[in-house]
Amino acid sequence: MNYELRIISYLCTKFNDFMKKLTPFLGILLIIIGTMVLIATRFSSLSTHNSLLLAGLLCIIGGIWLHIRSIKQDSKF
């Protein structure tokens, strides 16, 4: 059982390191995902479904907010 806890602890540490590297780019990723959702709804004739359009819009707005927040945290002002 002790061996299992060490494996879980190791995996959690690796995941934490990965997320720390990914965090500055999370806003940009959300903007890209939101844009892809909007493009997919346009070309697959799903533009009449407001939930998909709203999901794309919320991804873009959330991505912009996260990107601005990450820039402010890196700034010295």
N, C-alpha and C. Protein backbone atom coordinates (compact mmCIF):
# COMPACT_ATOMS: atom_id res chain seq x y z
N MET A 1 0.82 -1.19 0.00
CA MET A 1 0.00 0.00 0.00
C MET A 1 0.87 1.26 0.00
N ASN A 2 1.98 1.22 0.67
CA ASN A 2 2.89 2.35 0.70
C ASN A 2 3.42 2.65 -0.70
N TYR A 3 3.64 1.61 -1.49
CA TYR A 3 4.12 1.77 -2.85
C TYR A 3 3.08 2.51 -3.70
N GLU A 4 1.80 2.20 -3.50
CA GLU A 4 0.73 2.87 -4.25
C GLU A 4 0.66 4.35 -3.92
N LEU A 5 0.87 4.69 -2.67
CA LEU A 5 0.85 6.09 -2.27
C LEU A 5 2.01 6.86 -2.87
N ARG A 6 3.15 6.21 -2.97
CA ARG A 6 4.30 6.86 -3.61
C ARG A 6 4.04 7.12 -5.09
N ILE A 7 3.40 6.18 -5.75
CA ILE A 7 3.08 6.35 -7.17
C ILE A 7 2.09 7.50 -7.36
N ILE A 8 1.07 7.53 -6.52
CA ILE A 8 0.07 8.61 -6.61
C ILE A 8 0.71 9.96 -6.33
N SER A 9 1.58 10.02 -5.33
CA SER A 9 2.27 11.26 -5.00
C SER A 9 3.15 11.71 -6.16
N TYR A 10 3.85 10.78 -6.78
CA TYR A 10 4.71 11.10 -7.92
C TYR A 10 3.89 11.65 -9.09
N LEU A 11 2.76 10.99 -9.39
CA LEU A 11 1.91 11.44 -10.49
C LEU A 11 1.30 12.81 -10.22
N CYS A 12 0.91 13.05 -8.98
CA CYS A 12 0.36 14.36 -8.62
C CYS A 12 1.41 15.46 -8.76
N THR A 13 2.64 15.15 -8.38
CA THR A 13 3.72 16.13 -8.52
C THR A 13 3.99 16.44 -9.98
N LYS A 14 4.01 15.42 -10.82
CA LYS A 14 4.24 15.63 -12.25
C LYS A 14 3.10 16.43 -12.88
N PHE A 15 1.86 16.11 -12.48
CA PHE A 15 0.71 16.84 -13.01
C PHE A 15 0.75 18.30 -12.56
N ASN A 16 1.15 18.55 -11.33
CA ASN A 16 1.26 19.91 -10.82
C ASN A 16 2.31 20.70 -11.60
N ASP A 17 3.45 20.09 -11.88
CA ASP A 17 4.49 20.74 -12.67
C ASP A 17 4.00 21.05 -14.08
N PHE A 18 3.27 20.11 -14.67
CA PHE A 18 2.73 20.31 -16.02
C PHE A 18 1.73 21.47 -16.04
N MET A 19 0.86 21.55 -15.03
CA MET A 19 -0.13 22.62 -14.99
C MET A 19 0.51 23.98 -14.75
N LYS A 20 1.61 24.02 -14.00
CA LYS A 20 2.31 25.29 -13.79
C LYS A 20 2.91 25.80 -15.10
N LYS A 21 3.35 24.88 -15.96
CA LYS A 21 3.88 25.28 -17.26
C LYS A 21 2.77 25.67 -18.22
N LEU A 22 1.59 25.08 -18.07
CA LEU A 22 0.48 25.32 -18.98
C LEU A 22 -0.32 26.56 -18.62
N THR A 23 -0.31 26.99 -17.39
CA THR A 23 -1.16 28.07 -16.90
C THR A 23 -1.01 29.37 -17.70
N PRO A 24 0.19 29.83 -18.06
CA PRO A 24 0.26 31.08 -18.82
C PRO A 24 -0.39 31.00 -20.20
N PHE A 25 -0.55 29.81 -20.74
CA PHE A 25 -1.11 29.67 -22.08
C PHE A 25 -2.58 29.25 -22.07
N LEU A 26 -3.16 29.14 -20.88
CA LEU A 26 -4.53 28.66 -20.77
C LEU A 26 -5.52 29.63 -21.42
N GLY A 27 -5.28 30.93 -21.29
CA GLY A 27 -6.16 31.92 -21.91
C GLY A 27 -6.15 31.82 -23.42
N ILE A 28 -4.98 31.69 -23.99
CA ILE A 28 -4.86 31.56 -25.45
C ILE A 28 -5.52 30.27 -25.92
N LEU A 29 -5.33 29.19 -25.17
CA LEU A 29 -5.97 27.92 -25.54
C LEU A 29 -7.49 28.03 -25.53
N LEU A 30 -8.04 28.71 -24.53
CA LEU A 30 -9.50 28.89 -24.49
C LEU A 30 -10.00 29.73 -25.66
N ILE A 31 -9.25 30.75 -26.04
CA ILE A 31 -9.64 31.57 -27.19
C ILE A 31 -9.64 30.73 -28.46
N ILE A 32 -8.62 29.90 -28.63
CA ILE A 32 -8.54 29.04 -29.82
C ILE A 32 -9.68 28.02 -29.82
N ILE A 33 -9.97 27.42 -28.66
CA ILE A 33 -11.06 26.44 -28.58
C ILE A 33 -12.40 27.11 -28.89
N GLY A 34 -12.63 28.30 -28.34
CA GLY A 34 -13.87 29.02 -28.62
C GLY A 34 -14.01 29.37 -30.09
N THR A 35 -12.91 29.77 -30.71
CA THR A 35 -12.94 30.07 -32.14
C THR A 35 -13.22 28.83 -32.97
N MET A 36 -12.63 27.71 -32.59
CA MET A 36 -12.88 26.46 -33.30
C MET A 36 -14.34 26.01 -33.17
N VAL A 37 -14.92 26.23 -32.00
CA VAL A 37 -16.33 25.89 -31.81
C VAL A 37 -17.20 26.73 -32.72
N LEU A 38 -16.91 28.03 -32.80
CA LEU A 38 -17.71 28.90 -33.67
C LEU A 38 -17.52 28.54 -35.14
N ILE A 39 -16.32 28.20 -35.55
CA ILE A 39 -16.07 27.78 -36.93
C ILE A 39 -16.80 26.47 -37.22
N ALA A 40 -16.76 25.54 -36.27
CA ALA A 40 -17.42 24.24 -36.47
C ALA A 40 -18.93 24.41 -36.59
N THR A 41 -19.50 25.32 -35.81
CA THR A 41 -20.96 25.51 -35.93
C THR A 41 -21.32 26.17 -37.26
N ARG A 42 -20.44 26.98 -37.78
CA ARG A 42 -20.72 27.64 -39.07
C ARG A 42 -20.69 26.64 -40.22
N PHE A 43 -19.69 25.78 -40.26
CA PHE A 43 -19.54 24.89 -41.39
C PHE A 43 -20.37 23.61 -41.28
N SER A 44 -20.85 23.29 -40.08
CA SER A 44 -21.67 22.09 -39.95
C SER A 44 -23.15 22.41 -39.84
N SER A 45 -23.52 23.61 -40.20
CA SER A 45 -24.91 24.09 -40.18
C SER A 45 -25.57 23.89 -38.82
N LEU A 46 -24.81 24.06 -37.77
CA LEU A 46 -25.36 24.00 -36.42
C LEU A 46 -25.51 25.40 -35.83
N SER A 47 -25.47 26.42 -36.67
CA SER A 47 -25.51 27.79 -36.17
C SER A 47 -26.88 28.16 -35.62
N THR A 48 -27.87 27.30 -35.78
CA THR A 48 -29.18 27.59 -35.19
C THR A 48 -29.26 27.15 -33.74
N HIS A 49 -28.27 26.41 -33.28
CA HIS A 49 -28.24 25.97 -31.88
C HIS A 49 -27.53 27.03 -31.05
N ASN A 50 -28.29 27.75 -30.27
CA ASN A 50 -27.71 28.86 -29.51
C ASN A 50 -26.76 28.39 -28.42
N SER A 51 -26.94 27.18 -27.92
CA SER A 51 -26.07 26.71 -26.85
C SER A 51 -24.62 26.54 -27.34
N LEU A 52 -24.44 26.07 -28.56
CA LEU A 52 -23.09 25.94 -29.10
C LEU A 52 -22.46 27.30 -29.36
N LEU A 53 -23.27 28.22 -29.87
CA LEU A 53 -22.75 29.57 -30.09
C LEU A 53 -22.39 30.25 -28.78
N LEU A 54 -23.22 30.05 -27.77
CA LEU A 54 -22.94 30.63 -26.46
C LEU A 54 -21.70 30.00 -25.83
N ALA A 55 -21.51 28.70 -26.00
CA ALA A 55 -20.33 28.03 -25.46
C ALA A 55 -19.06 28.58 -26.10
N GLY A 56 -19.08 28.79 -27.40
CA GLY A 56 -17.93 29.38 -28.08
C GLY A 56 -17.64 30.79 -27.60
N LEU A 57 -18.70 31.57 -27.44
CA LEU A 57 -18.54 32.94 -26.96
C LEU A 57 -17.99 32.97 -25.54
N LEU A 58 -18.50 32.11 -24.67
CA LEU A 58 -18.02 32.07 -23.29
C LEU A 58 -16.56 31.61 -23.21
N CYS A 59 -16.17 30.69 -24.08
CA CYS A 59 -14.77 30.26 -24.12
C CYS A 59 -13.87 31.42 -24.52
N ILE A 60 -14.29 32.20 -25.50
CA ILE A 60 -13.49 33.33 -25.95
C ILE A 60 -13.40 34.40 -24.86
N ILE A 61 -14.52 34.72 -24.23
CA ILE A 61 -14.52 35.73 -23.17
C ILE A 61 -13.68 35.26 -21.98
N GLY A 62 -13.84 34.00 -21.59
CA GLY A 62 -13.04 33.47 -20.49
C GLY A 62 -11.56 33.43 -20.83
N GLY A 63 -11.24 33.12 -22.08
CA GLY A 63 -9.84 33.11 -22.50
C GLY A 63 -9.21 34.49 -22.47
N ILE A 64 -9.97 35.48 -22.89
CA ILE A 64 -9.47 36.86 -22.84
C ILE A 64 -9.24 37.27 -21.39
N TRP A 65 -10.18 36.93 -20.52
CA TRP A 65 -10.06 37.28 -19.10
C TRP A 65 -8.83 36.60 -18.47
N LEU A 66 -8.65 35.31 -18.76
CA LEU A 66 -7.49 34.60 -18.20
C LEU A 66 -6.18 35.13 -18.74
N HIS A 67 -6.17 35.48 -20.02
CA HIS A 67 -4.93 36.00 -20.62
C HIS A 67 -4.56 37.36 -20.00
N ILE A 68 -5.55 38.22 -19.83
CA ILE A 68 -5.28 39.52 -19.21
C ILE A 68 -4.82 39.33 -17.77
N ARG A 69 -5.43 38.39 -17.06
CA ARG A 69 -5.05 38.12 -15.67
C ARG A 69 -3.61 37.60 -15.58
N SER A 70 -3.21 36.74 -16.51
CA SER A 70 -1.85 36.23 -16.48
C SER A 70 -0.84 37.30 -16.82
N ILE A 71 -1.20 38.22 -17.71
CA ILE A 71 -0.30 39.33 -18.04
C ILE A 71 -0.14 40.25 -16.84
N LYS A 72 -1.25 40.52 -16.14
CA LYS A 72 -1.17 41.39 -14.96
C LYS A 72 -0.33 40.78 -13.85
N GLN A 73 -0.38 39.46 -13.69
CA GLN A 73 0.41 38.82 -12.65
C GLN A 73 1.90 38.85 -12.97
N ASP A 74 2.24 38.82 -14.26
CA ASP A 74 3.64 38.86 -14.65
C ASP A 74 4.21 40.27 -14.64
N SER A 75 3.33 41.27 -14.67
CA SER A 75 3.78 42.65 -14.73
C SER A 75 4.30 43.11 -13.37
N LYS A 76 5.22 44.06 -13.40
CA LYS A 76 5.78 44.61 -12.17
C LYS A 76 4.98 45.82 -11.68
N PHE A 77 4.01 46.27 -12.44
CA PHE A 77 3.25 47.47 -12.07
C PHE A 77 1.98 47.11 -11.38
